[in-house]
C-alpha atoms as a PDB file:
ATOM      1  CA  MET A   1      -9.676   0.208 -14.004  1.00  0.00           C
ATOM      2  CA  LYS A   2      -8.348   3.399 -15.834  1.00  0.00           C
ATOM      3  CA  ARG A   3      -6.380   4.490 -12.848  1.00  0.00           C
ATOM      4  CA  ILE A   4      -4.441   1.167 -13.199  1.00  0.00           C
ATOM      5  CA  ILE A   5      -3.690   1.407 -16.688  1.00  0.00           C
ATOM      6  CA  LEU A   6      -2.199   4.969 -16.428  1.00  0.00           C
ATOM      7  CA  PHE A   7       0.029   3.202 -13.258  1.00  0.00           C
ATOM      8  CA  VAL A   8       1.044   0.331 -15.876  1.00  0.00           C
ATOM      9  CA  VAL A   9       1.862   2.498 -19.085  1.00  0.00           C
ATOM     10  CA  LEU A  10       3.615   5.005 -17.181  1.00  0.00           C
ATOM     11  CA  LEU A  11       4.288   3.881 -13.975  1.00  0.00           C
ATOM     12  CA  THR A  12       3.882   7.859 -12.848  1.00  0.00           C
ATOM     13  CA  LEU A  13       6.268  10.286 -12.123  1.00  0.00           C
ATOM     14  CA  VAL A  14       3.943  12.706 -10.350  1.00  0.00           C
ATOM     15  CA  SER A  15       4.616  16.426  -9.809  1.00  0.00           C
ATOM     16  CA  CYS A  16       1.944  18.303  -8.173  1.00  0.00           C
ATOM     17  CA  SER A  17       3.920  21.815  -8.882  1.00  0.00           C
ATOM     18  CA  GLY A  18       1.303  22.666 -11.354  1.00  0.00           C
ATOM     19  CA  GLY A  19       3.148  25.633 -12.154  1.00  0.00           C
ATOM     20  CA  ARG A  20       5.680  27.842 -10.410  1.00  0.00           C
ATOM     21  CA  LYS A  21       4.009  31.352  -8.717  1.00  0.00           C
ATOM     22  CA  LYS A  22       5.650  33.963  -6.978  1.00  0.00           C
ATOM     23  CA  VAL A  23       6.339  33.208  -3.462  1.00  0.00           C
ATOM     24  CA  LYS A  24       5.443  35.764  -1.318  1.00  0.00           C
ATOM     25  CA  GLU A  25       8.237  36.896   1.579  1.00  0.00           C
ATOM     26  CA  GLY A  26       7.975  34.746   4.218  1.00  0.00           C
ATOM     27  CA  GLU A  27       6.268  32.090   2.966  1.00  0.00           C
ATOM     28  CA  LEU A  28       6.931  28.306   2.537  1.00  0.00           C
ATOM     29  CA  SER A  29       8.315  27.131  -0.207  1.00  0.00           C
ATOM     30  CA  GLY A  30      11.054  24.020  -1.010  1.00  0.00           C
ATOM     31  CA  ASP A  31      11.386  20.950  -3.189  1.00  0.00           C
ATOM     32  CA  ILE A  32      10.270  17.472  -1.809  1.00  0.00           C
ATOM     33  CA  THR A  33      10.636  14.582  -3.778  1.00  0.00           C
ATOM     34  CA  LEU A  34       8.916  10.715  -2.901  1.00  0.00           C
ATOM     35  CA  SER A  35       9.793   7.491  -4.033  1.00  0.00           C
ATOM     36  CA  GLY A  36       8.610   3.740  -3.640  1.00  0.00           C
ATOM     37  CA  ALA A  37       5.549   1.851  -2.032  1.00  0.00           C
ATOM     38  CA  PHE A  38       2.731   1.550  -4.968  1.00  0.00           C
ATOM     39  CA  ALA A  39      -0.183   0.585  -1.751  1.00  0.00           C
ATOM     40  CA  LEU A  40       1.156   4.754  -0.119  1.00  0.00           C
ATOM     41  CA  TYR A  41       0.939   6.498  -3.679  1.00  0.00           C
ATOM     42  CA  PRO A  42      -2.303   7.706  -3.962  1.00  0.00           C
ATOM     43  CA  LEU A  43      -2.975   8.293  -0.514  1.00  0.00           C
ATOM     44  CA  ALA A  44       1.105  10.444  -0.734  1.00  0.00           C
ATOM     45  CA  VAL A  45      -1.041  12.147  -4.243  1.00  0.00           C
ATOM     46  CA  LYS A  46      -3.848  13.569  -1.663  1.00  0.00           C
ATOM     47  CA  TRP A  47      -1.235  14.699   1.024  1.00  0.00           C
ATOM     48  CA  ALA A  48       0.147  16.288  -1.494  1.00  0.00           C
ATOM     49  CA  GLU A  49      -2.516  18.289  -3.217  1.00  0.00           C
ATOM     50  CA  GLU A  50      -4.068  19.397  -0.036  1.00  0.00           C
ATOM     51  CA  PHE A  51      -0.793  20.625   0.699  1.00  0.00           C
ATOM     52  CA  ARG A  52       0.096  22.679  -2.162  1.00  0.00           C
ATOM     53  CA  ILE A  53      -3.124  24.476  -1.740  1.00  0.00           C
ATOM     54  CA  LEU A  54      -1.588  25.553   2.119  1.00  0.00           C
ATOM     55  CA  HIS A  55       1.694  26.156   0.638  1.00  0.00           C
ATOM     56  CA  PRO A  56       1.452  26.823  -3.540  1.00  0.00           C
ATOM     57  CA  GLY A  57       5.457  27.314  -2.980  1.00  0.00           C
ATOM     58  CA  VAL A  58       6.072  24.353  -2.028  1.00  0.00           C
ATOM     59  CA  ARG A  59       6.716  22.090  -5.319  1.00  0.00           C
ATOM     60  CA  ILE A  60       6.672  17.949  -4.832  1.00  0.00           C
ATOM     61  CA  ASP A  61       7.422  14.758  -7.046  1.00  0.00           C
ATOM     62  CA  ILE A  62       5.917  11.192  -6.563  1.00  0.00           C
ATOM     63  CA  SER A  63       6.684   8.914  -8.354  1.00  0.00           C
ATOM     64  CA  ALA A  64       5.842   4.896  -7.435  1.00  0.00           C
ATOM     65  CA  GLY A  65       8.328   2.048  -7.786  1.00  0.00           C
ATOM     66  CA  GLY A  66       7.706  -0.879  -5.053  1.00  0.00           C
ATOM     67  CA  ALA A  67       9.121  -0.198  -1.458  1.00  0.00           C
ATOM     68  CA  GLY A  68      11.891  -1.521  -1.616  1.00  0.00           C
ATOM     69  CA  LYS A  69      12.970   1.598  -4.060  1.00  0.00           C
ATOM     70  CA  GLY A  70      11.548   3.804  -1.920  1.00  0.00           C
ATOM     71  CA  MET A  71      13.841   2.683   0.642  1.00  0.00           C
ATOM     72  CA  THR A  72      17.103   2.212  -1.305  1.00  0.00           C
ATOM     73  CA  ASP A  73      16.364   5.969  -2.983  1.00  0.00           C
ATOM     74  CA  VAL A  74      15.828   7.888   0.687  1.00  0.00           C
ATOM     75  CA  LEU A  75      19.146   5.802   2.386  1.00  0.00           C
ATOM     76  CA  ALA A  76      21.180   7.017  -0.722  1.00  0.00           C
ATOM     77  CA  GLY A  77      19.957  10.497  -0.792  1.00  0.00           C
ATOM     78  CA  VAL A  78      18.243  10.032  -4.522  1.00  0.00           C
ATOM     79  CA  VAL A  79      14.992  11.258  -3.005  1.00  0.00           C
ATOM     80  CA  ASP A  80      13.634  13.484   0.599  1.00  0.00           C
ATOM     81  CA  LEU A  81      11.226  10.130   1.791  1.00  0.00           C
ATOM     82  CA  GLY A  82      10.734   6.668   1.180  1.00  0.00           C
ATOM     83  CA  MET A  83       7.758   5.467   1.227  1.00  0.00           C
ATOM     84  CA  VAL A  84       7.077   2.148   2.592  1.00  0.00           C
ATOM     85  CA  SER A  85       4.660  -0.786   2.889  1.00  0.00           C
ATOM     86  CA  ARG A  86       6.519  -2.885   4.704  1.00  0.00           C
ATOM     87  CA  GLU A  87       8.142  -2.042   8.524  1.00  0.00           C
ATOM     88  CA  VAL A  88      11.400  -1.409   8.731  1.00  0.00           C
ATOM     89  CA  TYR A  89      14.091  -2.866   9.370  1.00  0.00           C
ATOM     90  CA  PRO A  90      17.478  -2.580  12.309  1.00  0.00           C
ATOM     91  CA  ALA A  91      19.629  -2.391   9.898  1.00  0.00           C
ATOM     92  CA  GLU A  92      18.045   0.626   7.475  1.00  0.00           C
ATOM     93  CA  LEU A  93      17.467   2.860  10.996  1.00  0.00           C
ATOM     94  CA  GLU A  94      21.239   2.034  11.745  1.00  0.00           C
ATOM     95  CA  LYS A  95      21.806   3.173   8.228  1.00  0.00           C
ATOM     96  CA  GLY A  96      20.200   6.806   9.483  1.00  0.00           C
ATOM     97  CA  ALA A  97      16.875   6.096   8.441  1.00  0.00           C
ATOM     98  CA  VAL A  98      13.838   7.924  10.004  1.00  0.00           C
ATOM     99  CA  ALA A  99      10.436   6.344   9.951  1.00  0.00           C
ATOM    100  CA  PHE A 100       7.048   8.433  10.394  1.00  0.00           C
ATOM    101  CA  ALA A 101       3.950   5.618  10.395  1.00  0.00           C
ATOM    102  CA  VAL A 102       1.223   7.869   8.309  1.00  0.00           C
ATOM    103  CA  ALA A 103      -1.290   5.447   7.816  1.00  0.00           C
ATOM    104  CA  LYS A 104      -3.077   1.526   7.448  1.00  0.00           C
ATOM    105  CA  ASP A 105      -3.505  -0.538   5.067  1.00  0.00           C
ATOM    106  CA  ALA A 106      -3.952  -4.591   3.896  1.00  0.00           C
ATOM    107  CA  VAL A 107      -3.140  -6.714   1.799  1.00  0.00           C
ATOM    108  CA  VAL A 108      -5.876  -8.846  -0.313  1.00  0.00           C
ATOM    109  CA  PRO A 109      -6.586 -12.001  -2.125  1.00  0.00           C
ATOM    110  CA  THR A 110      -7.355 -11.235  -5.646  1.00  0.00           C
ATOM    111  CA  ILE A 111      -9.105 -13.988  -8.423  1.00  0.00           C
ATOM    112  CA  ASN A 112     -10.697 -13.430 -11.810  1.00  0.00           C
ATOM    113  CA  ALA A 113     -14.222 -13.133 -11.232  1.00  0.00           C
ATOM    114  CA  ALA A 114     -14.787 -15.889 -13.260  1.00  0.00           C
ATOM    115  CA  ASN A 115     -12.900 -18.408 -11.438  1.00  0.00           C
ATOM    116  CA  PRO A 116     -15.398 -21.881 -12.631  1.00  0.00           C
ATOM    117  CA  ASN A 117     -14.864 -22.533  -8.931  1.00  0.00           C
ATOM    118  CA  LEU A 118     -16.266 -19.307  -7.720  1.00  0.00           C
ATOM    119  CA  ASP A 119     -19.188 -20.497  -5.831  1.00  0.00           C
ATOM    120  CA  ALA A 120     -17.063 -23.225  -3.394  1.00  0.00           C
ATOM    121  CA  LEU A 121     -14.767 -20.380  -3.351  1.00  0.00           C
ATOM    122  CA  LEU A 122     -16.197 -17.204  -1.709  1.00  0.00           C
ATOM    123  CA  LYS A 123     -17.559 -19.882   0.302  1.00  0.00           C
ATOM    124  CA  THR A 124     -14.350 -21.906   2.111  1.00  0.00           C
ATOM    125  CA  GLY A 125     -12.033 -18.455   1.857  1.00  0.00           C
ATOM    126  CA  LEU A 126      -8.904 -19.284   2.753  1.00  0.00           C
ATOM    127  CA  THR A 127      -6.070 -19.919   5.085  1.00  0.00           C
ATOM    128  CA  ARG A 128      -3.098 -19.617   6.491  1.00  0.00           C
ATOM    129  CA  GLU A 129      -1.981 -23.561   5.792  1.00  0.00           C
ATOM    130  CA  LYS A 130      -3.753 -23.282   1.605  1.00  0.00           C
ATOM    131  CA  ALA A 131      -1.891 -20.051   1.176  1.00  0.00           C
ATOM    132  CA  ALA A 132       1.695 -20.990   2.412  1.00  0.00           C
ATOM    133  CA  LYS A 133       1.253 -24.150  -0.246  1.00  0.00           C
ATOM    134  CA  LEU A 134      -0.095 -21.930  -3.006  1.00  0.00           C
ATOM    135  CA  TRP A 135       2.583 -19.643  -3.160  1.00  0.00           C
ATOM    136  CA  SER A 136       5.850 -22.544  -2.581  1.00  0.00           C
ATOM    137  CA  ASP A 137       7.576 -23.120  -5.254  1.00  0.00           C
ATOM    138  CA  GLU A 138       5.244 -26.337  -5.884  1.00  0.00           C
ATOM    139  CA  LYS A 139       2.799 -25.521  -9.072  1.00  0.00           C
ATOM    140  CA  SER A 140      -0.793 -25.591  -8.122  1.00  0.00           C
ATOM    141  CA  SER A 141      -3.908 -27.240  -9.918  1.00  0.00           C
ATOM    142  CA  GLU A 142      -6.545 -25.188  -8.854  1.00  0.00           C
ATOM    143  CA  PHE A 143      -4.823 -22.028  -9.512  1.00  0.00           C
ATOM    144  CA  ASN A 144      -2.326 -19.558 -11.544  1.00  0.00           C
ATOM    145  CA  VAL A 145      -0.348 -18.163  -8.684  1.00  0.00           C
ATOM    146  CA  TYR A 146       1.215 -14.430  -9.116  1.00  0.00           C
ATOM    147  CA  THR A 147       4.005 -12.516  -7.120  1.00  0.00           C
ATOM    148  CA  ARG A 148       5.651  -9.813  -7.186  1.00  0.00           C
ATOM    149  CA  SER A 149       9.235  -9.020  -9.353  1.00  0.00           C
ATOM    150  CA  ASP A 150       9.707  -5.855  -7.741  1.00  0.00           C
ATOM    151  CA  ALA A 151      10.825  -5.460  -3.842  1.00  0.00           C
ATOM    152  CA  CYS A 152       7.712  -5.038  -2.541  1.00  0.00           C
ATOM    153  CA  GLY A 153       5.933  -4.853   1.209  1.00  0.00           C
ATOM    154  CA  ALA A 154       2.293  -5.530   0.055  1.00  0.00           C
ATOM    155  CA  ALA A 155       4.801  -9.414  -1.349  1.00  0.00           C
ATOM    156  CA  GLU A 156       6.708  -9.277   2.188  1.00  0.00           C
ATOM    157  CA  THR A 157       3.364  -8.468   4.871  1.00  0.00           C
ATOM    158  CA  TRP A 158       1.619 -11.277   2.562  1.00  0.00           C
ATOM    159  CA  ALA A 159       3.866 -14.080   3.030  1.00  0.00           C
ATOM    160  CA  LEU A 160       4.766 -12.971   6.529  1.00  0.00           C
ATOM    161  CA  TRP A 161       1.191 -14.138   7.312  1.00  0.00           C
ATOM    162  CA  PHE A 162       1.538 -17.377   6.789  1.00  0.00           C
ATOM    163  CA  GLY A 163       5.652 -17.138   8.071  1.00  0.00           C
ATOM    164  CA  LYS A 164       7.788 -17.142   5.068  1.00  0.00           C
ATOM    165  CA  LYS A 165       9.504 -13.839   3.302  1.00  0.00           C
ATOM    166  CA  GLN A 166       9.174 -12.514  -0.024  1.00  0.00           C
ATOM    167  CA  GLU A 167      11.416 -13.877  -1.204  1.00  0.00           C
ATOM    168  CA  ASP A 168      10.580 -17.208  -0.372  1.00  0.00           C
ATOM    169  CA  LEU A 169       7.391 -16.710  -2.354  1.00  0.00           C
ATOM    170  CA  GLY A 170       6.576 -18.643  -5.673  1.00  0.00           C
ATOM    171  CA  GLY A 171       4.040 -18.197  -8.481  1.00  0.00           C
ATOM    172  CA  THR A 172       4.836 -15.787 -11.745  1.00  0.00           C
ATOM    173  CA  ALA A 173       6.195 -12.308 -10.972  1.00  0.00           C
ATOM    174  CA  VAL A 174       4.498  -9.452 -12.465  1.00  0.00           C
ATOM    175  CA  PHE A 175       6.129  -5.829 -11.796  1.00  0.00           C
ATOM    176  CA  GLY A 176       3.943  -3.774  -9.192  1.00  0.00           C
ATOM    177  CA  ASP A 177       0.548  -3.622  -7.969  1.00  0.00           C
ATOM    178  CA  PRO A 178      -0.918  -2.452 -11.093  1.00  0.00           C
ATOM    179  CA  GLY A 179       0.291  -5.573 -13.030  1.00  0.00           C
ATOM    180  CA  VAL A 180      -0.676  -8.089 -10.601  1.00  0.00           C
ATOM    181  CA  ALA A 181      -3.650  -6.637 -10.583  1.00  0.00           C
ATOM    182  CA  GLN A 182      -3.670  -7.000 -14.487  1.00  0.00           C
ATOM    183  CA  ALA A 183      -2.822 -10.560 -15.163  1.00  0.00           C
ATOM    184  CA  VAL A 184      -4.967 -12.066 -12.404  1.00  0.00           C
ATOM    185  CA  GLN A 185      -7.785 -10.070 -14.117  1.00  0.00           C
ATOM    186  CA  ARG A 186      -6.576 -12.179 -17.920  1.00  0.00           C
ATOM    187  CA  ASP A 187      -6.514 -15.406 -16.272  1.00  0.00           C
ATOM    188  CA  GLU A 188      -9.638 -17.116 -15.292  1.00  0.00           C
ATOM    189  CA  LEU A 189      -7.812 -19.512 -12.554  1.00  0.00           C
ATOM    190  CA  ALA A 190      -5.270 -16.597 -11.677  1.00  0.00           C
ATOM    191  CA  ILE A 191      -5.250 -15.993  -7.481  1.00  0.00           C
ATOM    192  CA  GLY A 192      -2.489 -13.024  -6.303  1.00  0.00           C
ATOM    193  CA  PHE A 193      -2.655 -10.270  -4.081  1.00  0.00           C
ATOM    194  CA  ASN A 194      -3.012  -6.909  -4.264  1.00  0.00           C
ATOM    195  CA  ASN A 195      -3.311  -3.703  -1.826  1.00  0.00           C
ATOM    196  CA  LEU A 196      -6.448  -2.285  -1.276  1.00  0.00           C
ATOM    197  CA  SER A 197      -5.786   0.596  -3.486  1.00  0.00           C
ATOM    198  CA  TYR A 198      -5.144  -1.495  -6.066  1.00  0.00           C
ATOM    199  CA  ALA A 199      -8.021  -4.768  -5.576  1.00  0.00           C
ATOM    200  CA  TYR A 200     -11.141  -2.509  -5.196  1.00  0.00           C
ATOM    201  CA  ASP A 201     -12.386   0.695  -7.427  1.00  0.00           C
ATOM    202  CA  GLU A 202     -11.979   4.661  -5.728  1.00  0.00           C
ATOM    203  CA  THR A 203     -14.997   5.757  -7.465  1.00  0.00           C
ATOM    204  CA  THR A 204     -17.498   2.615  -7.222  1.00  0.00           C
ATOM    205  CA  ARG A 205     -16.086   1.059  -4.178  1.00  0.00           C
ATOM    206  CA  LEU A 206     -16.850  -2.574  -5.333  1.00  0.00           C
ATOM    207  CA  PRO A 207     -13.515  -4.616  -6.690  1.00  0.00           C
ATOM    208  CA  ASN A 208     -12.618  -3.553  -9.524  1.00  0.00           C
ATOM    209  CA  GLU A 209     -13.278  -4.851 -12.838  1.00  0.00           C
ATOM    210  CA  GLY A 210     -12.656  -9.079 -13.871  1.00  0.00           C
ATOM    211  CA  LEU A 211     -11.557  -9.159  -9.765  1.00  0.00           C
ATOM    212  CA  LEU A 212     -13.004 -10.753  -6.645  1.00  0.00           C
ATOM    213  CA  VAL A 213     -11.228  -9.902  -2.959  1.00  0.00           C
ATOM    214  CA  LEU A 214     -11.198 -13.769  -1.852  1.00  0.00           C
ATOM    215  CA  PRO A 215     -12.400 -14.136   2.140  1.00  0.00           C
ATOM    216  CA  LEU A 216      -9.562 -14.956   4.333  1.00  0.00           C
ATOM    217  CA  ASP A 217     -10.944 -18.480   6.669  1.00  0.00           C
ATOM    218  CA  VAL A 218      -9.573 -16.829   9.726  1.00  0.00           C
ATOM    219  CA  ASN A 219     -10.163 -19.145  12.170  1.00  0.00           C
ATOM    220  CA  ASP A 220      -9.330 -21.764  10.148  1.00  0.00           C
ATOM    221  CA  ASN A 221     -13.146 -24.037  11.053  1.00  0.00           C
ATOM    222  CA  GLY A 222     -13.272 -24.520   6.745  1.00  0.00           C
ATOM    223  CA  GLN A 223     -15.871 -21.837   6.592  1.00  0.00           C
ATOM    224  CA  VAL A 224     -16.258 -18.402   5.803  1.00  0.00           C
ATOM    225  CA  ASP A 225     -18.354 -17.113   8.831  1.00  0.00           C
ATOM    226  CA  GLU A 226     -20.694 -14.429   8.778  1.00  0.00           C
ATOM    227  CA  ASP A 227     -18.210 -11.821  10.764  1.00  0.00           C
ATOM    228  CA  GLU A 228     -15.740 -12.988   8.319  1.00  0.00           C
ATOM    229  CA  ARG A 229     -17.867 -11.417   5.187  1.00  0.00           C
ATOM    230  CA  PHE A 230     -16.554  -8.080   4.646  1.00  0.00           C
ATOM    231  CA  TYR A 231     -15.225  -8.204   1.150  1.00  0.00           C
ATOM    232  CA  ASN A 232     -18.095  -6.552  -0.841  1.00  0.00           C
ATOM    233  CA  THR A 233     -17.084  -2.992  -0.808  1.00  0.00           C
ATOM    234  CA  LYS A 234     -13.819  -1.001   0.505  1.00  0.00           C
ATOM    235  CA  ASP A 235     -15.903   0.662   3.075  1.00  0.00           C
ATOM    236  CA  ASP A 236     -16.454  -3.195   4.905  1.00  0.00           C
ATOM    237  CA  ILE A 237     -12.508  -3.863   4.610  1.00  0.00           C
ATOM    238  CA  ILE A 238     -11.969  -0.769   5.708  1.00  0.00           C
ATOM    239  CA  GLN A 239     -14.019  -0.642   8.420  1.00  0.00           C
ATOM    240  CA  ALA A 240     -13.376  -4.593   9.466  1.00  0.00           C
ATOM    241  CA  ILE A 241      -9.193  -3.559   9.272  1.00  0.00           C
ATOM    242  CA  ALA A 242     -10.114  -0.883  11.986  1.00  0.00           C
ATOM    243  CA  ALA A 243     -11.577  -2.847  14.515  1.00  0.00           C
ATOM    244  CA  GLY A 244      -9.444  -5.782  13.954  1.00  0.00           C
ATOM    245  CA  LYS A 245     -11.412  -8.251  12.291  1.00  0.00           C
ATOM    246  CA  TYR A 246      -9.303  -8.620   9.079  1.00  0.00           C
ATOM    247  CA  PRO A 247      -5.016  -9.824  10.434  1.00  0.00           C
ATOM    248  CA  SER A 248      -2.271  -8.348  11.433  1.00  0.00           C
ATOM    249  CA  PRO A 249       0.266  -9.429   8.938  1.00  0.00           C
ATOM    250  CA  PRO A 250      -1.422  -8.758   5.927  1.00  0.00           C
ATOM    251  CA  ALA A 251      -2.852  -5.822   7.488  1.00  0.00           C
ATOM    252  CA  ARG A 252      -0.276  -3.376   7.834  1.00  0.00           C
ATOM    253  CA  ASP A 253       1.430  -0.129   9.259  1.00  0.00           C
ATOM    254  CA  LEU A 254       2.651   2.206   6.393  1.00  0.00           C
ATOM    255  CA  TYR A 255       5.694   4.803   6.572  1.00  0.00           C
ATOM    256  CA  LEU A 256       7.219   7.664   5.601  1.00  0.00           C
ATOM    257  CA  VAL A 257      10.813   7.413   5.574  1.00  0.00           C
ATOM    258  CA  ALA A 258      13.534  10.593   5.637  1.00  0.00           C
ATOM    259  CA  GLY A 259      17.226   9.031   5.443  1.00  0.00           C
ATOM    260  CA  SER A 260      18.129  10.905   8.529  1.00  0.00           C
ATOM    261  CA  ALA A 261      17.542  13.984  10.568  1.00  0.00           C
ATOM    262  CA  PRO A 262      17.375  16.632  11.422  1.00  0.00           C
ATOM    263  CA  MET A 263      14.894  17.926   8.257  1.00  0.00           C
ATOM    264  CA  THR A 264      14.987  21.294   5.905  1.00  0.00           C
ATOM    265  CA  PRO A 265      12.044  23.246   7.373  1.00  0.00           C
ATOM    266  CA  VAL A 266      10.038  22.096   4.422  1.00  0.00           C
ATOM    267  CA  LEU A 267      10.319  18.546   4.474  1.00  0.00           C
ATOM    268  CA  LYS A 268       9.633  19.196   8.615  1.00  0.00           C
ATOM    269  CA  GLU A 269       6.315  20.928   7.992  1.00  0.00           C
ATOM    270  CA  PHE A 270       5.012  18.656   5.021  1.00  0.00           C
ATOM    271  CA  LEU A 271       5.526  15.873   8.003  1.00  0.00           C
ATOM    272  CA  ARG A 272       3.623  17.710  10.480  1.00  0.00           C
ATOM    273  CA  PHE A 273       0.462  17.833   8.305  1.00  0.00           C
ATOM    274  CA  VAL A 274       0.633  14.736   7.081  1.00  0.00           C
ATOM    275  CA  LEU A 275       0.494  13.478  10.479  1.00  0.00           C
ATOM    276  CA  THR A 276      -2.030  16.030  11.833  1.00  0.00           C
ATOM    277  CA  ASP A 277      -4.136  17.735   9.048  1.00  0.00           C
ATOM    278  CA  GLY A 278      -3.631  15.404   6.500  1.00  0.00           C
ATOM    279  CA  GLN A 279      -4.991  12.197   8.611  1.00  0.00           C
ATOM    280  CA  GLN A 280      -8.803  13.710   7.841  1.00  0.00           C
ATOM    281  CA  TYR A 281      -8.233  12.355   4.019  1.00  0.00           C
ATOM    282  CA  ASN A 282      -7.355   8.913   5.088  1.00  0.00           C
ATOM    283  CA  ILE A 283     -10.319   6.793   5.514  1.00  0.00           C
ATOM    284  CA  PRO A 284     -12.248   8.913   2.493  1.00  0.00           C
ATOM    285  CA  SER A 285      -9.131   7.476  -0.112  1.00  0.00           C
ATOM    286  CA  GLY A 286      -9.692   3.950   1.143  1.00  0.00           C
ATOM    287  CA  TYR A 287      -6.901   3.850   4.327  1.00  0.00           C
ATOM    288  CA  ILE A 288      -7.050   3.836   8.030  1.00  0.00           C
ATOM    289  CA  SER A 289      -5.702   6.902  10.011  1.00  0.00           C
ATOM    290  CA  LEU A 290      -3.640   5.083  13.302  1.00  0.00           C
ATOM    291  CA  SER A 291      -4.147   5.813  16.627  1.00  0.00           C
ATOM    292  CA  GLU A 292      -3.333   9.112  18.670  1.00  0.00           C
ATOM    293  CA  ASP A 293       0.297   7.656  20.265  1.00  0.00           C
ATOM    294  CA  LYS A 294       1.536   6.578  17.049  1.00  0.00           C
ATOM    295  CA  LEU A 295       0.714  10.058  15.187  1.00  0.00           C
ATOM    296  CA  LYS A 296       2.352  11.829  18.779  1.00  0.00           C
ATOM    297  CA  ALA A 297       5.307   9.470  18.493  1.00  0.00           C
ATOM    298  CA  GLY A 298       6.154  11.050  14.801  1.00  0.00           C
ATOM    299  CA  LEU A 299       5.284  14.211  15.558  1.00  0.00           C
ATOM    300  CA  ASN A 300       7.962  13.579  18.617  1.00  0.00           C
ATOM    301  CA  LYS A 301      10.297  12.799  16.030  1.00  0.00           C
ATOM    302  CA  LEU A 302       9.898  16.378  14.608  1.00  0.00           C
ATOM    303  CA  GLN A 303      10.761  18.434  17.230  1.00  0.00           C
END
């Protein structure tokens, strides 16, 4: 919860530089800037920390503000890499975007842990049809519905699960993943959606205080079957996503997007690290590693 509060208060701009050290001749040096998806932010920070251990002459600045901001920033040349938690649109590729799939996670429905109908909700779960009705423009008598106010991959991916787009989503709009989590924690009748990093505590691996993840009734039979129960811990749902038990969407790939090619040597080396040695930090950080084919496809773009 401390991390969520910090995100809300600061909308953090993180510098992973520590302090500039004198760069030895031949040592990799330079600056890299990233902005964008809250979903990818924690893992990007971890990659940056580990990369700087190998290359202390490199400074990496990372800010979270939503996938839409990341894409806008990178195409405008404001940052080197946009963190994007949705598929890259053809129009963005036409503008020069070069997308690298780097990890996988999921958007999950979150409810208040003190919901008065909690037992029944956990038994029946959430179907695609019910989600479409809840996030319509009609007011629900069962839930107070929350959505995102910022252009983001989480909302786009969540809406895509039931055949909609982010702009079609109804509900009270809140800025950022941390904002939705806090809104749900304050409201006993709330339902929202969050990326895994904001639904679960990174240390305990349990849902964040005051939150529960509402299971999906994937086979639409009116109940949550035994093989659909994998939400108790972050590790349980990560394994379910990796095994394909949680649907895609709302599971999805995460991307680092460059504005164009060719790239600077320091940027190419950072991306190469993310696609190779950096993948060892995905699962410990609460993400899923990608297939070798997807990683090789990214590496081929760096040639």
